[in-house]
N, C-alpha and C. Protein backbone atom coordinates (compact mmCIF):
# COMPACT_ATOMS: atom_id res chain seq x y z
N MET A 1 -55.94 -55.76 -86.19
CA MET A 1 -54.46 -55.51 -86.70
C MET A 1 -54.28 -56.27 -87.78
N LEU A 2 -55.25 -56.48 -88.94
CA LEU A 2 -55.57 -56.39 -90.22
C LEU A 2 -55.13 -55.06 -90.84
N LEU A 3 -55.63 -54.12 -90.02
CA LEU A 3 -55.34 -52.85 -90.47
C LEU A 3 -53.70 -52.27 -89.96
N LEU A 4 -53.27 -52.43 -89.41
CA LEU A 4 -51.57 -52.54 -88.92
C LEU A 4 -50.74 -52.75 -89.70
N LEU A 5 -51.28 -54.28 -90.43
CA LEU A 5 -50.58 -55.32 -91.55
C LEU A 5 -50.67 -54.54 -92.61
N THR A 6 -52.10 -53.78 -92.96
CA THR A 6 -52.38 -53.30 -94.39
C THR A 6 -51.27 -52.14 -94.04
N ILE A 7 -51.17 -51.27 -93.11
CA ILE A 7 -50.78 -50.03 -93.24
C ILE A 7 -48.92 -50.16 -93.49
N ALA A 8 -48.55 -51.30 -92.78
CA ALA A 8 -47.07 -51.62 -92.79
C ALA A 8 -47.00 -52.35 -94.14
N ALA A 9 -47.52 -52.63 -94.83
CA ALA A 9 -47.30 -53.45 -96.32
C ALA A 9 -47.65 -52.06 -97.39
N PHE A 10 -48.71 -51.54 -97.31
CA PHE A 10 -48.79 -50.31 -98.13
C PHE A 10 -48.34 -49.12 -97.79
N GLY A 11 -48.22 -48.71 -96.40
CA GLY A 11 -48.46 -47.12 -95.96
C GLY A 11 -49.66 -47.06 -95.39
N ALA A 12 -49.88 -45.76 -94.95
CA ALA A 12 -50.93 -45.30 -94.36
C ALA A 12 -51.66 -44.82 -95.63
N PRO A 13 -52.72 -44.69 -95.18
CA PRO A 13 -53.79 -43.94 -96.49
C PRO A 13 -53.53 -42.37 -96.32
N PRO A 14 -53.85 -41.43 -97.10
CA PRO A 14 -53.36 -40.21 -97.24
C PRO A 14 -55.06 -39.85 -96.06
N GLN A 15 -54.40 -38.44 -95.06
CA GLN A 15 -55.47 -37.97 -94.40
C GLN A 15 -56.75 -37.75 -95.14
N SER A 16 -56.82 -37.56 -96.42
CA SER A 16 -58.09 -37.11 -96.49
C SER A 16 -59.08 -38.53 -96.63
N ALA A 17 -58.42 -39.97 -96.76
CA ALA A 17 -59.66 -40.94 -97.01
C ALA A 17 -59.51 -41.44 -95.45
N MET A 18 -58.68 -40.67 -94.20
CA MET A 18 -59.28 -41.44 -93.07
C MET A 18 -60.66 -40.62 -92.54
N LEU A 19 -60.70 -39.48 -93.05
CA LEU A 19 -61.47 -38.45 -92.76
C LEU A 19 -62.91 -38.68 -93.16
N ASN A 20 -64.13 -38.92 -92.41
CA ASN A 20 -65.55 -38.74 -92.63
C ASN A 20 -65.96 -37.54 -93.17
N THR A 21 -65.82 -36.99 -94.70
CA THR A 21 -66.07 -36.01 -95.52
C THR A 21 -67.49 -35.98 -95.76
N ASN A 22 -68.25 -36.85 -95.18
CA ASN A 22 -69.49 -36.83 -95.87
C ASN A 22 -70.66 -36.38 -94.91
N ILE A 23 -71.83 -35.73 -95.62
CA ILE A 23 -73.02 -35.34 -94.67
C ILE A 23 -74.03 -35.74 -95.31
N SER A 24 -75.52 -36.20 -94.78
CA SER A 24 -76.76 -36.32 -95.11
C SER A 24 -77.01 -35.01 -95.55
N ALA A 25 -78.25 -35.09 -96.38
CA ALA A 25 -79.00 -34.07 -96.66
C ALA A 25 -79.71 -33.39 -95.73
N ALA A 26 -80.50 -34.52 -94.59
CA ALA A 26 -81.01 -33.80 -93.71
C ALA A 26 -80.18 -33.06 -92.66
N ALA A 27 -78.62 -33.94 -92.38
CA ALA A 27 -77.87 -33.31 -91.29
C ALA A 27 -77.44 -31.78 -92.03
N ALA A 28 -76.89 -31.70 -93.15
CA ALA A 28 -76.76 -30.36 -94.11
C ALA A 28 -78.26 -29.27 -93.41
N ARG A 29 -79.14 -29.52 -93.87
CA ARG A 29 -80.24 -29.14 -93.70
C ARG A 29 -80.05 -28.43 -91.91
N ALA A 30 -80.09 -29.30 -91.26
CA ALA A 30 -79.86 -29.29 -89.52
C ALA A 30 -78.69 -28.23 -89.24
N MET A 31 -77.30 -28.74 -90.08
CA MET A 31 -76.46 -27.61 -89.83
C MET A 31 -76.77 -26.47 -90.20
N MET A 32 -77.65 -26.22 -91.29
CA MET A 32 -77.18 -24.89 -91.62
C MET A 32 -78.57 -24.14 -90.76
N ALA A 33 -79.53 -24.44 -90.52
CA ALA A 33 -80.59 -23.97 -89.60
C ALA A 33 -80.00 -23.27 -88.41
N LYS A 34 -78.85 -24.18 -88.07
CA LYS A 34 -78.53 -23.84 -86.08
C LYS A 34 -76.94 -23.02 -86.82
N ASP A 35 -76.35 -23.13 -87.37
CA ASP A 35 -74.84 -22.68 -87.81
C ASP A 35 -74.49 -21.41 -88.52
N THR A 36 -74.45 -20.69 -88.02
CA THR A 36 -74.32 -19.26 -88.83
C THR A 36 -72.84 -19.50 -89.57
N ASN A 37 -72.16 -20.12 -89.41
CA ASN A 37 -70.95 -20.42 -90.04
C ASN A 37 -70.54 -21.26 -90.60
N VAL A 38 -71.85 -21.87 -91.18
CA VAL A 38 -72.07 -22.52 -92.71
C VAL A 38 -72.30 -21.83 -94.05
N ILE A 39 -71.35 -22.48 -95.04
CA ILE A 39 -71.76 -21.89 -96.50
C ILE A 39 -72.19 -23.14 -97.28
N VAL A 40 -72.85 -23.39 -97.85
CA VAL A 40 -73.34 -24.57 -98.67
C VAL A 40 -73.07 -23.88 -100.66
N LEU A 41 -72.17 -24.67 -101.07
CA LEU A 41 -71.43 -24.21 -102.19
C LEU A 41 -72.36 -25.60 -103.34
N ASP A 42 -72.62 -24.77 -104.41
CA ASP A 42 -72.84 -25.36 -105.22
C ASP A 42 -72.04 -25.44 -106.19
N VAL A 43 -71.71 -26.71 -107.15
CA VAL A 43 -70.43 -27.12 -107.63
C VAL A 43 -71.27 -27.74 -109.21
N ARG A 44 -72.36 -27.22 -109.31
CA ARG A 44 -72.72 -27.61 -110.53
C ARG A 44 -72.70 -26.51 -111.63
N SER A 45 -73.52 -26.89 -113.13
CA SER A 45 -73.16 -26.01 -113.74
C SER A 45 -73.85 -24.96 -113.59
N PRO A 46 -73.71 -23.72 -114.57
CA PRO A 46 -74.73 -22.81 -114.23
C PRO A 46 -76.38 -22.97 -114.78
N ARG A 47 -76.29 -23.80 -115.82
CA ARG A 47 -77.94 -24.13 -116.50
C ARG A 47 -78.28 -24.81 -115.12
N GLU A 48 -77.64 -25.89 -114.47
CA GLU A 48 -78.35 -26.40 -113.30
C GLU A 48 -78.54 -25.89 -112.43
N TYR A 49 -77.66 -24.84 -112.13
CA TYR A 49 -77.84 -23.69 -111.09
C TYR A 49 -79.55 -22.93 -111.12
N ASN A 50 -79.14 -22.52 -112.29
CA ASN A 50 -80.40 -21.49 -112.70
C ASN A 50 -81.88 -22.27 -112.80
N ASP A 51 -81.92 -23.62 -113.06
CA ASP A 51 -82.83 -24.86 -112.72
C ASP A 51 -83.34 -24.61 -111.51
N GLU A 52 -82.59 -24.98 -110.71
CA GLU A 52 -82.90 -25.41 -109.24
C GLU A 52 -81.67 -25.64 -108.51
N ARG A 53 -81.96 -24.59 -107.27
CA ARG A 53 -80.60 -24.74 -105.83
C ARG A 53 -81.11 -24.87 -105.12
N ILE A 54 -80.42 -25.01 -103.73
CA ILE A 54 -80.68 -24.93 -102.45
C ILE A 54 -80.27 -23.76 -101.93
N GLY A 55 -81.66 -22.79 -101.93
CA GLY A 55 -81.25 -20.92 -101.44
C GLY A 55 -80.48 -20.10 -102.46
N ASN A 56 -80.08 -19.56 -102.02
CA ASN A 56 -78.88 -18.50 -102.48
C ASN A 56 -77.57 -18.95 -102.46
N THR A 57 -77.43 -20.06 -103.12
CA THR A 57 -75.96 -20.83 -102.53
C THR A 57 -75.08 -20.47 -103.21
N PRO A 58 -73.89 -19.63 -102.99
CA PRO A 58 -72.86 -19.57 -103.93
C PRO A 58 -72.68 -20.50 -105.28
N LEU A 59 -72.05 -20.73 -106.22
CA LEU A 59 -71.56 -21.22 -107.68
C LEU A 59 -70.33 -21.05 -108.17
N MET A 60 -70.12 -22.21 -107.89
CA MET A 60 -68.71 -22.73 -108.43
C MET A 60 -68.17 -23.62 -108.86
N PRO A 61 -68.33 -24.17 -110.04
CA PRO A 61 -68.56 -25.16 -111.01
C PRO A 61 -67.42 -25.54 -110.93
N LEU A 62 -67.68 -27.01 -111.08
CA LEU A 62 -66.44 -28.04 -110.56
C LEU A 62 -64.95 -27.82 -111.28
N GLN A 63 -65.38 -27.38 -112.42
CA GLN A 63 -64.10 -27.54 -113.66
C GLN A 63 -63.59 -25.98 -113.29
N PHE A 64 -63.97 -24.82 -112.52
CA PHE A 64 -62.74 -23.85 -112.14
C PHE A 64 -62.78 -24.10 -110.80
N LEU A 65 -63.05 -24.71 -110.32
CA LEU A 65 -62.81 -24.95 -108.53
C LEU A 65 -61.31 -24.19 -108.41
N GLU A 66 -60.62 -25.42 -109.04
CA GLU A 66 -58.97 -24.93 -108.51
C GLU A 66 -58.69 -23.87 -109.40
N ARG A 67 -59.08 -23.78 -110.22
CA ARG A 67 -58.65 -22.40 -110.86
C ARG A 67 -58.86 -20.97 -110.14
N LYS A 68 -59.93 -20.75 -109.11
CA LYS A 68 -60.77 -19.98 -108.85
C LYS A 68 -60.55 -20.00 -107.03
N ILE A 69 -59.95 -21.06 -107.12
CA ILE A 69 -60.00 -21.00 -105.57
C ILE A 69 -59.76 -19.94 -104.60
N ASN A 70 -59.22 -19.37 -104.98
CA ASN A 70 -58.83 -17.46 -104.47
C ASN A 70 -60.59 -16.92 -104.16
N GLU A 71 -61.05 -17.13 -104.96
CA GLU A 71 -62.37 -16.33 -104.43
C GLU A 71 -63.20 -17.08 -103.53
N LEU A 72 -62.96 -18.31 -102.94
CA LEU A 72 -63.53 -18.55 -102.02
C LEU A 72 -62.82 -18.33 -100.72
N ASN A 73 -61.83 -17.85 -100.46
CA ASN A 73 -60.79 -17.49 -99.31
C ASN A 73 -61.56 -16.76 -98.31
N GLN A 74 -62.79 -16.20 -98.29
CA GLN A 74 -63.66 -15.56 -97.80
C GLN A 74 -64.42 -16.58 -96.46
N TYR A 75 -64.49 -17.71 -97.64
CA TYR A 75 -65.08 -18.87 -96.48
C TYR A 75 -63.89 -19.73 -95.66
N LYS A 76 -62.87 -19.30 -95.92
CA LYS A 76 -61.81 -20.43 -95.27
C LYS A 76 -62.12 -20.67 -94.02
N LYS A 77 -62.86 -20.00 -93.13
CA LYS A 77 -62.88 -19.92 -91.69
C LYS A 77 -64.13 -20.65 -91.41
N LYS A 78 -64.92 -20.60 -92.51
CA LYS A 78 -66.76 -21.73 -92.25
C LYS A 78 -65.98 -23.02 -92.65
N LYS A 79 -67.39 -23.60 -92.55
CA LYS A 79 -67.91 -24.86 -92.85
C LYS A 79 -68.56 -24.74 -94.16
N ILE A 80 -68.29 -25.32 -94.94
CA ILE A 80 -68.74 -25.51 -96.45
C ILE A 80 -69.22 -27.05 -96.94
N ILE A 81 -70.43 -26.60 -97.04
CA ILE A 81 -71.29 -27.96 -97.19
C ILE A 81 -71.35 -27.95 -98.87
N VAL A 82 -70.77 -28.65 -99.50
CA VAL A 82 -70.53 -28.69 -101.38
C VAL A 82 -71.67 -29.80 -101.92
N TYR A 83 -72.71 -29.57 -102.72
CA TYR A 83 -73.38 -30.25 -102.98
C TYR A 83 -73.38 -30.06 -104.37
N CYS A 84 -73.61 -31.12 -105.77
CA CYS A 84 -74.33 -31.31 -107.18
C CYS A 84 -75.32 -31.52 -107.35
N HIS A 85 -75.14 -32.53 -108.16
CA HIS A 85 -76.24 -33.21 -109.13
C HIS A 85 -77.02 -34.29 -108.33
N SER A 86 -76.12 -35.51 -107.64
CA SER A 86 -75.95 -36.69 -107.00
C SER A 86 -74.62 -36.40 -106.39
N GLY A 87 -73.92 -35.87 -106.23
CA GLY A 87 -73.06 -36.37 -104.87
C GLY A 87 -71.23 -36.23 -105.12
N ASN A 88 -71.39 -36.89 -106.60
CA ASN A 88 -70.18 -37.21 -107.52
C ASN A 88 -69.08 -35.91 -107.48
N ARG A 89 -69.71 -34.88 -108.20
CA ARG A 89 -68.79 -33.63 -108.29
C ARG A 89 -68.63 -33.27 -107.42
N SER A 90 -69.42 -33.09 -106.24
CA SER A 90 -68.86 -32.48 -104.62
C SER A 90 -67.99 -33.20 -103.82
N GLU A 91 -68.27 -34.85 -104.25
CA GLU A 91 -67.12 -35.56 -103.41
C GLU A 91 -65.73 -35.03 -104.11
N LEU A 92 -65.29 -34.74 -105.40
CA LEU A 92 -64.37 -34.74 -105.66
C LEU A 92 -63.97 -33.06 -105.46
N ALA A 93 -64.83 -32.28 -105.36
CA ALA A 93 -64.78 -30.52 -104.89
C ALA A 93 -64.54 -30.45 -103.74
N VAL A 94 -64.68 -31.60 -102.53
CA VAL A 94 -64.36 -31.95 -101.08
C VAL A 94 -62.92 -31.73 -101.24
N GLU A 95 -62.59 -33.01 -102.29
CA GLU A 95 -61.20 -33.48 -101.83
C GLU A 95 -60.11 -32.15 -102.60
N ILE A 96 -60.39 -31.20 -103.18
CA ILE A 96 -60.10 -30.04 -103.70
C ILE A 96 -60.00 -28.58 -102.82
N LEU A 97 -60.98 -29.08 -102.46
CA LEU A 97 -61.17 -27.66 -101.21
C LEU A 97 -60.32 -28.24 -100.08
N ARG A 98 -60.05 -29.36 -99.43
CA ARG A 98 -59.51 -29.76 -97.96
C ARG A 98 -58.08 -29.78 -98.61
N GLU A 99 -57.41 -29.77 -99.81
CA GLU A 99 -56.38 -30.20 -100.08
C GLU A 99 -55.81 -28.10 -99.70
N TYR A 100 -56.26 -27.65 -100.63
CA TYR A 100 -56.25 -26.08 -99.97
C TYR A 100 -56.66 -25.33 -98.42
N GLY A 101 -57.29 -26.32 -97.88
CA GLY A 101 -57.03 -26.05 -96.35
C GLY A 101 -58.49 -25.56 -95.89
N PHE A 102 -59.69 -25.82 -96.81
CA PHE A 102 -61.10 -25.42 -96.25
C PHE A 102 -61.63 -26.73 -95.64
N ASN A 103 -62.92 -26.49 -94.72
CA ASN A 103 -63.38 -27.34 -93.75
C ASN A 103 -64.75 -27.40 -94.21
N ALA A 104 -64.25 -28.58 -95.90
CA ALA A 104 -65.16 -28.41 -96.32
C ALA A 104 -65.60 -30.21 -96.04
N LEU A 105 -67.50 -30.41 -96.60
CA LEU A 105 -68.29 -31.57 -96.00
C LEU A 105 -69.10 -31.86 -97.63
N ASN A 106 -69.12 -33.11 -97.83
CA ASN A 106 -69.70 -33.64 -98.76
C ASN A 106 -71.22 -33.87 -98.98
N MET A 107 -72.57 -33.26 -99.25
CA MET A 107 -73.84 -33.90 -98.96
C MET A 107 -73.98 -34.88 -99.66
N GLU A 108 -73.99 -36.09 -99.19
CA GLU A 108 -74.44 -37.01 -100.19
C GLU A 108 -75.93 -37.11 -100.49
N GLY A 109 -75.51 -37.84 -101.91
CA GLY A 109 -77.00 -37.31 -102.98
C GLY A 109 -76.95 -36.29 -103.55
N GLY A 110 -76.53 -35.40 -103.59
CA GLY A 110 -76.51 -33.82 -104.07
C GLY A 110 -78.10 -33.46 -103.70
N ILE A 111 -78.50 -32.51 -104.83
CA ILE A 111 -79.49 -31.89 -105.02
C ILE A 111 -80.74 -32.82 -104.84
N LEU A 112 -80.53 -34.29 -105.48
CA LEU A 112 -81.49 -35.35 -105.74
C LEU A 112 -82.21 -35.84 -104.28
N GLN A 113 -81.01 -35.84 -103.65
CA GLN A 113 -81.45 -36.63 -102.33
C GLN A 113 -82.11 -35.44 -101.27
N TRP A 114 -82.06 -33.94 -101.62
CA TRP A 114 -82.27 -32.62 -101.15
C TRP A 114 -83.72 -32.77 -101.54
N LYS A 115 -84.15 -32.68 -102.92
CA LYS A 115 -85.43 -33.11 -102.71
C LYS A 115 -86.38 -34.13 -102.36
N ALA A 116 -85.62 -34.99 -102.49
CA ALA A 116 -86.64 -36.79 -102.01
C ALA A 116 -87.03 -36.22 -100.49
N ASN A 117 -85.75 -35.10 -99.37
CA ASN A 117 -86.49 -35.25 -98.32
C ASN A 117 -87.59 -34.22 -98.59
N ARG A 118 -87.91 -33.79 -99.75
CA ARG A 118 -88.54 -32.64 -99.71
C ARG A 118 -88.57 -31.20 -98.84
N PHE A 119 -86.64 -31.20 -98.99
CA PHE A 119 -86.80 -29.62 -98.70
C PHE A 119 -86.77 -29.05 -99.99
N PRO A 120 -86.76 -27.26 -99.36
CA PRO A 120 -87.09 -26.21 -100.18
C PRO A 120 -85.99 -26.21 -101.35
N THR A 121 -86.47 -25.75 -102.63
CA THR A 121 -84.97 -25.03 -103.43
C THR A 121 -85.75 -23.89 -104.63
N ILE A 122 -85.18 -23.03 -104.81
CA ILE A 122 -85.36 -22.00 -106.17
C ILE A 122 -84.60 -22.26 -107.03
N SER A 123 -85.19 -21.34 -107.75
CA SER A 123 -84.90 -21.52 -109.21
C SER A 123 -84.65 -19.90 -110.14
N GLY A 124 -84.45 -19.94 -110.76
CA GLY A 124 -83.97 -18.64 -111.54
C GLY A 124 -82.92 -18.07 -111.91
N GLY A 125 -82.54 -16.72 -112.29
CA GLY A 125 -80.90 -15.86 -112.93
C GLY A 125 -79.81 -16.50 -111.67
N ALA A 126 -78.69 -16.85 -112.12
CA ALA A 126 -77.43 -17.16 -111.53
C ALA A 126 -76.91 -15.58 -110.47
N ARG A 127 -76.42 -15.85 -109.66
CA ARG A 127 -75.77 -14.57 -108.93
C ARG A 127 -74.27 -14.41 -109.68
């Protein structure tokens, strides 16, 4: 009842606010292992990416995401798991991607949570 009164008073929240767009690092890893229709996208800086990343994931720094959104069109029909260092930039990236019609999920806790679970990472030159 309170929700209905709140909606009546303030209007319905945006659709993106009503969707659960977060996924744990463990759930992300499980999804990556069993679903070939999943892409993992890194939205950190090139330096962070070179230092350590989750596999050979594509890099699209958050500050360029909206400007270069067309470069991601090849992933439009896939699930995109987005990560950053701690989950803040990736949360914003998910909102942007969803506005453009992508099926995107935010990996909560970013690479910090991934590493806390002792999941593998790689380092080295950017793609």
